Amino acid sequence: MREHSIISSELATDLNWLWGIRNKMHLFQLDETEWLSTDYTVANHNRAVRAFKQLLDILDSNQDR
């Protein structure tokens, strides 16, 4: 989507970051050591939510493309 100018470079960076953190992670199977990871911060949660909301808004606004 970045190559087609549908999303910005910043959003592409955030989505790639999110994919790296979330890839193959199953929240219902977390053990205690994973919960203690520095990946589970309020800042990371907020970054993920912002990126996801931006992606949804862009996809919604480009439905007719």
PDB file of N, CA and C in Angstrom:
ATOM      1  N   MET A   1       0.817  -1.185   0.000  1.00  0.00           N
ATOM      2  CA  MET A   1       0.000   0.000   0.000  1.00  0.00           C
ATOM      3  C   MET A   1       0.866   1.256   0.000  1.00  0.00           C
ATOM      4  N   ARG A   2       2.043   1.170   0.598  1.00  0.00           N
ATOM      5  CA  ARG A   2       2.944   2.324   0.608  1.00  0.00           C
ATOM      6  C   ARG A   2       3.389   2.648  -0.817  1.00  0.00           C
ATOM      7  N   GLU A   3       3.713   1.623  -1.573  1.00  0.00           N
ATOM      8  CA  GLU A   3       4.197   1.832  -2.940  1.00  0.00           C
ATOM      9  C   GLU A   3       3.140   2.478  -3.832  1.00  0.00           C
ATOM     10  N   HIS A   4       1.882   2.326  -3.475  1.00  0.00           N
ATOM     11  CA  HIS A   4       0.779   2.915  -4.239  1.00  0.00           C
ATOM     12  C   HIS A   4       0.257   4.203  -3.608  1.00  0.00           C
ATOM     13  N   SER A   5       1.014   4.730  -2.651  1.00  0.00           N
ATOM     14  CA  SER A   5       0.678   5.992  -1.963  1.00  0.00           C
ATOM     15  C   SER A   5      -0.685   5.952  -1.268  1.00  0.00           C
ATOM     16  N   ILE A   6      -1.081   4.775  -0.828  1.00  0.00           N
ATOM     17  CA  ILE A   6      -2.336   4.658  -0.084  1.00  0.00           C
ATOM     18  C   ILE A   6      -2.094   4.986   1.384  1.00  0.00           C
ATOM     19  N   ILE A   7      -0.945   4.560   1.901  1.00  0.00           N
ATOM     20  CA  ILE A   7      -0.577   4.886   3.278  1.00  0.00           C
ATOM     21  C   ILE A   7       0.744   5.643   3.279  1.00  0.00           C
ATOM     22  N   SER A   8       0.976   6.381   4.348  1.00  0.00           N
ATOM     23  CA  SER A   8       2.214   7.158   4.466  1.00  0.00           C
ATOM     24  C   SER A   8       3.381   6.267   4.882  1.00  0.00           C
ATOM     25  N   SER A   9       4.575   6.783   4.728  1.00  0.00           N
ATOM     26  CA  SER A   9       5.773   6.066   5.183  1.00  0.00           C
ATOM     27  C   SER A   9       5.729   5.844   6.685  1.00  0.00           C
ATOM     28  N   GLU A  10       5.213   6.840   7.411  1.00  0.00           N
ATOM     29  CA  GLU A  10       5.133   6.721   8.866  1.00  0.00           C
ATOM     30  C   GLU A  10       4.185   5.587   9.271  1.00  0.00           C
ATOM     31  N   LEU A  11       3.035   5.519   8.607  1.00  0.00           N
ATOM     32  CA  LEU A  11       2.094   4.448   8.928  1.00  0.00           C
ATOM     33  C   LEU A  11       2.677   3.098   8.531  1.00  0.00           C
ATOM     34  N   ALA A  12       3.346   3.027   7.405  1.00  0.00           N
ATOM     35  CA  ALA A  12       3.983   1.773   6.988  1.00  0.00           C
ATOM     36  C   ALA A  12       5.004   1.321   8.027  1.00  0.00           C
ATOM     37  N   THR A  13       5.776   2.257   8.551  1.00  0.00           N
ATOM     38  CA  THR A  13       6.755   1.939   9.593  1.00  0.00           C
ATOM     39  C   THR A  13       6.061   1.396  10.829  1.00  0.00           C
ATOM     40  N   ASP A  14       4.977   2.055  11.256  1.00  0.00           N
ATOM     41  CA  ASP A  14       4.249   1.604  12.442  1.00  0.00           C
ATOM     42  C   ASP A  14       3.602   0.240  12.222  1.00  0.00           C
ATOM     43  N   LEU A  15       3.057   0.004  11.051  1.00  0.00           N
ATOM     44  CA  LEU A  15       2.440  -1.292  10.775  1.00  0.00           C
ATOM     45  C   LEU A  15       3.482  -2.409  10.727  1.00  0.00           C
ATOM     46  N   ASN A  16       4.647  -2.127  10.160  1.00  0.00           N
ATOM     47  CA  ASN A  16       5.723  -3.117  10.150  1.00  0.00           C
ATOM     48  C   ASN A  16       6.208  -3.402  11.569  1.00  0.00           C
ATOM     49  N   TRP A  17       6.300  -2.359  12.393  1.00  0.00           N
ATOM     50  CA  TRP A  17       6.681  -2.528  13.791  1.00  0.00           C
ATOM     51  C   TRP A  17       5.650  -3.395  14.510  1.00  0.00           C
ATOM     52  N   LEU A  18       4.369  -3.085  14.282  1.00  0.00           N
ATOM     53  CA  LEU A  18       3.296  -3.840  14.921  1.00  0.00           C
ATOM     54  C   LEU A  18       3.321  -5.303  14.490  1.00  0.00           C
ATOM     55  N   TRP A  19       3.537  -5.544  13.215  1.00  0.00           N
ATOM     56  CA  TRP A  19       3.610  -6.920  12.716  1.00  0.00           C
ATOM     57  C   TRP A  19       4.747  -7.668  13.411  1.00  0.00           C
ATOM     58  N   GLY A  20       5.873  -7.014  13.571  1.00  0.00           N
ATOM     59  CA  GLY A  20       7.016  -7.650  14.229  1.00  0.00           C
ATOM     60  C   GLY A  20       6.738  -8.022  15.669  1.00  0.00           C
ATOM     61  N   ILE A  21       6.021  -7.171  16.371  1.00  0.00           N
ATOM     62  CA  ILE A  21       5.694  -7.449  17.770  1.00  0.00           C
ATOM     63  C   ILE A  21       4.617  -8.522  17.880  1.00  0.00           C
ATOM     64  N   ARG A  22       3.613  -8.458  17.046  1.00  0.00           N
ATOM     65  CA  ARG A  22       2.443  -9.325  17.191  1.00  0.00           C
ATOM     66  C   ARG A  22       2.548 -10.650  16.442  1.00  0.00           C
ATOM     67  N   ASN A  23       3.453 -10.753  15.519  1.00  0.00           N
ATOM     68  CA  ASN A  23       3.547 -11.953  14.701  1.00  0.00           C
ATOM     69  C   ASN A  23       3.738 -13.192  15.573  1.00  0.00           C
ATOM     70  N   LYS A  24       2.840 -14.124  15.434  1.00  0.00           N
ATOM     71  CA  LYS A  24       2.880 -15.417  16.116  1.00  0.00           C
ATOM     72  C   LYS A  24       2.700 -15.315  17.626  1.00  0.00           C
ATOM     73  N   MET A  25       2.118 -14.230  18.116  1.00  0.00           N
ATOM     74  CA  MET A  25       1.885 -14.068  19.546  1.00  0.00           C
ATOM     75  C   MET A  25       0.428 -14.416  19.843  1.00  0.00           C
ATOM     76  N   HIS A  26       0.210 -15.196  20.850  1.00  0.00           N
ATOM     77  CA  HIS A  26      -1.145 -15.608  21.228  1.00  0.00           C
ATOM     78  C   HIS A  26      -1.384 -15.178  22.666  1.00  0.00           C
ATOM     79  N   LEU A  27      -2.170 -14.134  22.854  1.00  0.00           N
ATOM     80  CA  LEU A  27      -2.354 -13.569  24.185  1.00  0.00           C
ATOM     81  C   LEU A  27      -2.928 -14.560  25.188  1.00  0.00           C
ATOM     82  N   PHE A  28      -3.770 -15.464  24.746  1.00  0.00           N
ATOM     83  CA  PHE A  28      -4.367 -16.397  25.688  1.00  0.00           C
ATOM     84  C   PHE A  28      -3.370 -17.443  26.176  1.00  0.00           C
ATOM     85  N   GLN A  29      -2.192 -17.518  25.582  1.00  0.00           N
ATOM     86  CA  GLN A  29      -1.193 -18.502  25.975  1.00  0.00           C
ATOM     87  C   GLN A  29       0.035 -17.882  26.636  1.00  0.00           C
ATOM     88  N   LEU A  30      -0.051 -16.618  27.023  1.00  0.00           N
ATOM     89  CA  LEU A  30       1.104 -15.958  27.617  1.00  0.00           C
ATOM     90  C   LEU A  30       1.446 -16.555  28.973  1.00  0.00           C
ATOM     91  N   ASP A  31       2.730 -16.755  29.173  1.00  0.00           N
ATOM     92  CA  ASP A  31       3.154 -17.107  30.522  1.00  0.00           C
ATOM     93  C   ASP A  31       3.635 -15.831  31.218  1.00  0.00           C
ATOM     94  N   GLU A  32       3.983 -15.931  32.467  1.00  0.00           N
ATOM     95  CA  GLU A  32       4.329 -14.743  33.252  1.00  0.00           C
ATOM     96  C   GLU A  32       5.525 -13.988  32.684  1.00  0.00           C
ATOM     97  N   THR A  33       6.491 -14.681  32.123  1.00  0.00           N
ATOM     98  CA  THR A  33       7.684 -13.990  31.609  1.00  0.00           C
ATOM     99  C   THR A  33       7.348 -13.088  30.429  1.00  0.00           C
ATOM    100  N   GLU A  34       6.373 -13.481  29.619  1.00  0.00           N
ATOM    101  CA  GLU A  34       5.995 -12.613  28.505  1.00  0.00           C
ATOM    102  C   GLU A  34       5.288 -11.355  28.974  1.00  0.00           C
ATOM    103  N   TRP A  35       4.474 -11.478  30.005  1.00  0.00           N
ATOM    104  CA  TRP A  35       3.789 -10.292  30.528  1.00  0.00           C
ATOM    105  C   TRP A  35       4.779  -9.287  31.087  1.00  0.00           C
ATOM    106  N   LEU A  36       5.927  -9.751  31.514  1.00  0.00           N
ATOM    107  CA  LEU A  36       6.947  -8.861  32.065  1.00  0.00           C
ATOM    108  C   LEU A  36       7.804  -8.230  30.971  1.00  0.00           C
ATOM    109  N   SER A  37       7.585  -8.598  29.736  1.00  0.00           N
ATOM    110  CA  SER A  37       8.348  -8.069  28.614  1.00  0.00           C
ATOM    111  C   SER A  37       8.160  -6.555  28.481  1.00  0.00           C
ATOM    112  N   THR A  38       9.191  -5.894  28.022  1.00  0.00           N
ATOM    113  CA  THR A  38       9.097  -4.451  27.787  1.00  0.00           C
ATOM    114  C   THR A  38       8.240  -4.119  26.573  1.00  0.00           C
ATOM    115  N   ASP A  39       7.802  -5.139  25.821  1.00  0.00           N
ATOM    116  CA  ASP A  39       6.901  -4.893  24.685  1.00  0.00           C
ATOM    117  C   ASP A  39       5.505  -4.502  25.147  1.00  0.00           C
ATOM    118  N   TYR A  40       5.136  -4.852  26.371  1.00  0.00           N
ATOM    119  CA  TYR A  40       3.801  -4.571  26.885  1.00  0.00           C
ATOM    120  C   TYR A  40       3.811  -3.285  27.696  1.00  0.00           C
ATOM    121  N   THR A  41       3.855  -2.172  26.978  1.00  0.00           N
ATOM    122  CA  THR A  41       3.847  -0.869  27.637  1.00  0.00           C
ATOM    123  C   THR A  41       2.639  -0.082  27.146  1.00  0.00           C
ATOM    124  N   VAL A  42       2.256   0.925  27.903  1.00  0.00           N
ATOM    125  CA  VAL A  42       1.154   1.791  27.489  1.00  0.00           C
ATOM    126  C   VAL A  42       1.520   2.500  26.193  1.00  0.00           C
ATOM    127  N   ALA A  43       2.756   2.935  26.069  1.00  0.00           N
ATOM    128  CA  ALA A  43       3.196   3.633  24.852  1.00  0.00           C
ATOM    129  C   ALA A  43       3.082   2.719  23.629  1.00  0.00           C
ATOM    130  N   ASN A  44       3.499   1.464  23.758  1.00  0.00           N
ATOM    131  CA  ASN A  44       3.394   0.528  22.637  1.00  0.00           C
ATOM    132  C   ASN A  44       1.938   0.219  22.318  1.00  0.00           C
ATOM    133  N   HIS A  45       1.120   0.085  23.344  1.00  0.00           N
ATOM    134  CA  HIS A  45      -0.309  -0.149  23.119  1.00  0.00           C
ATOM    135  C   HIS A  45      -0.919   1.023  22.354  1.00  0.00           C
ATOM    136  N   ASN A  46      -0.626   2.231  22.791  1.00  0.00           N
ATOM    137  CA  ASN A  46      -1.174   3.420  22.132  1.00  0.00           C
ATOM    138  C   ASN A  46      -0.685   3.537  20.691  1.00  0.00           C
ATOM    139  N   ARG A  47       0.581   3.215  20.453  1.00  0.00           N
ATOM    140  CA  ARG A  47       1.122   3.256  19.088  1.00  0.00           C
ATOM    141  C   ARG A  47       0.392   2.248  18.201  1.00  0.00           C
ATOM    142  N   ALA A  48       0.146   1.064  18.717  1.00  0.00           N
ATOM    143  CA  ALA A  48      -0.547   0.029  17.952  1.00  0.00           C
ATOM    144  C   ALA A  48      -1.982   0.446  17.641  1.00  0.00           C
ATOM    145  N   VAL A  49      -2.669   0.999  18.628  1.00  0.00           N
ATOM    146  CA  VAL A  49      -4.054   1.444  18.422  1.00  0.00           C
ATOM    147  C   VAL A  49      -4.110   2.553  17.386  1.00  0.00           C
ATOM    148  N   ARG A  50      -3.203   3.527  17.483  1.00  0.00           N
ATOM    149  CA  ARG A  50      -3.176   4.626  16.502  1.00  0.00           C
ATOM    150  C   ARG A  50      -2.956   4.103  15.092  1.00  0.00           C
ATOM    151  N   ALA A  51      -1.990   3.202  14.930  1.00  0.00           N
ATOM    152  CA  ALA A  51      -1.692   2.659  13.602  1.00  0.00           C
ATOM    153  C   ALA A  51      -2.893   1.901  13.046  1.00  0.00           C
ATOM    154  N   PHE A  52      -3.525   1.092  13.882  1.00  0.00           N
ATOM    155  CA  PHE A  52      -4.670   0.308  13.430  1.00  0.00           C
ATOM    156  C   PHE A  52      -5.839   1.209  13.046  1.00  0.00           C
ATOM    157  N   LYS A  53      -6.105   2.221  13.848  1.00  0.00           N
ATOM    158  CA  LYS A  53      -7.192   3.156  13.532  1.00  0.00           C
ATOM    159  C   LYS A  53      -6.906   3.913  12.236  1.00  0.00           C
ATOM    160  N   GLN A  54      -5.660   4.339  12.050  1.00  0.00           N
ATOM    161  CA  GLN A  54      -5.305   5.032  10.810  1.00  0.00           C
ATOM    162  C   GLN A  54      -5.519   4.122   9.610  1.00  0.00           C
ATOM    163  N   LEU A  55      -5.094   2.865   9.740  1.00  0.00           N
ATOM    164  CA  LEU A  55      -5.273   1.917   8.642  1.00  0.00           C
ATOM    165  C   LEU A  55      -6.756   1.713   8.333  1.00  0.00           C
ATOM    166  N   LEU A  56      -7.569   1.533   9.356  1.00  0.00           N
ATOM    167  CA  LEU A  56      -9.009   1.365   9.129  1.00  0.00           C
ATOM    168  C   LEU A  56      -9.620   2.591   8.456  1.00  0.00           C
ATOM    169  N   ASP A  57      -9.233   3.773   8.896  1.00  0.00           N
ATOM    170  CA  ASP A  57      -9.754   5.000   8.278  1.00  0.00           C
ATOM    171  C   ASP A  57      -9.358   5.086   6.810  1.00  0.00           C
ATOM    172  N   ILE A  58      -8.129   4.763   6.506  1.00  0.00           N
ATOM    173  CA  ILE A  58      -7.654   4.812   5.116  1.00  0.00           C
ATOM    174  C   ILE A  58      -8.375   3.779   4.255  1.00  0.00           C
ATOM    175  N   LEU A  59      -8.502   2.572   4.774  1.00  0.00           N
ATOM    176  CA  LEU A  59      -9.203   1.535   4.016  1.00  0.00           C
ATOM    177  C   LEU A  59     -10.660   1.915   3.787  1.00  0.00           C
ATOM    178  N   ASP A  60     -11.290   2.492   4.801  1.00  0.00           N
ATOM    179  CA  ASP A  60     -12.679   2.911   4.673  1.00  0.00           C
ATOM    180  C   ASP A  60     -12.828   4.026   3.628  1.00  0.00           C
ATOM    181  N   SER A  61     -11.896   4.955   3.612  1.00  0.00           N
ATOM    182  CA  SER A  61     -11.996   6.068   2.670  1.00  0.00           C
ATOM    183  C   SER A  61     -11.613   5.679   1.252  1.00  0.00           C
ATOM    184  N   ASN A  62     -10.992   4.500   1.073  1.00  0.00           N
ATOM    185  CA  ASN A  62     -10.576   4.046  -0.256  1.00  0.00           C
ATOM    186  C   ASN A  62     -11.398   2.863  -0.751  1.00  0.00           C
ATOM    187  N   GLN A  63     -12.584   2.660  -0.211  1.00  0.00           N
ATOM    188  CA  GLN A  63     -13.399   1.519  -0.595  1.00  0.00           C
ATOM    189  C   GLN A  63     -13.755   1.520  -2.081  1.00  0.00           C
ATOM    190  N   ASP A  64     -13.932   2.689  -2.646  1.00  0.00           N
ATOM    191  CA  ASP A  64     -14.382   2.773  -4.032  1.00  0.00           C
ATOM    192  C   ASP A  64     -13.232   2.814  -5.033  1.00  0.00           C
ATOM    193  N   ARG A  65     -12.035   2.748  -4.578  1.00  0.00           N
ATOM    194  CA  ARG A  65     -10.871   2.804  -5.486  1.00  0.00           C
ATOM    195  C   ARG A  65     -10.748   1.581  -6.312  1.00  0.00           C
TER     196      ARG A  65
END
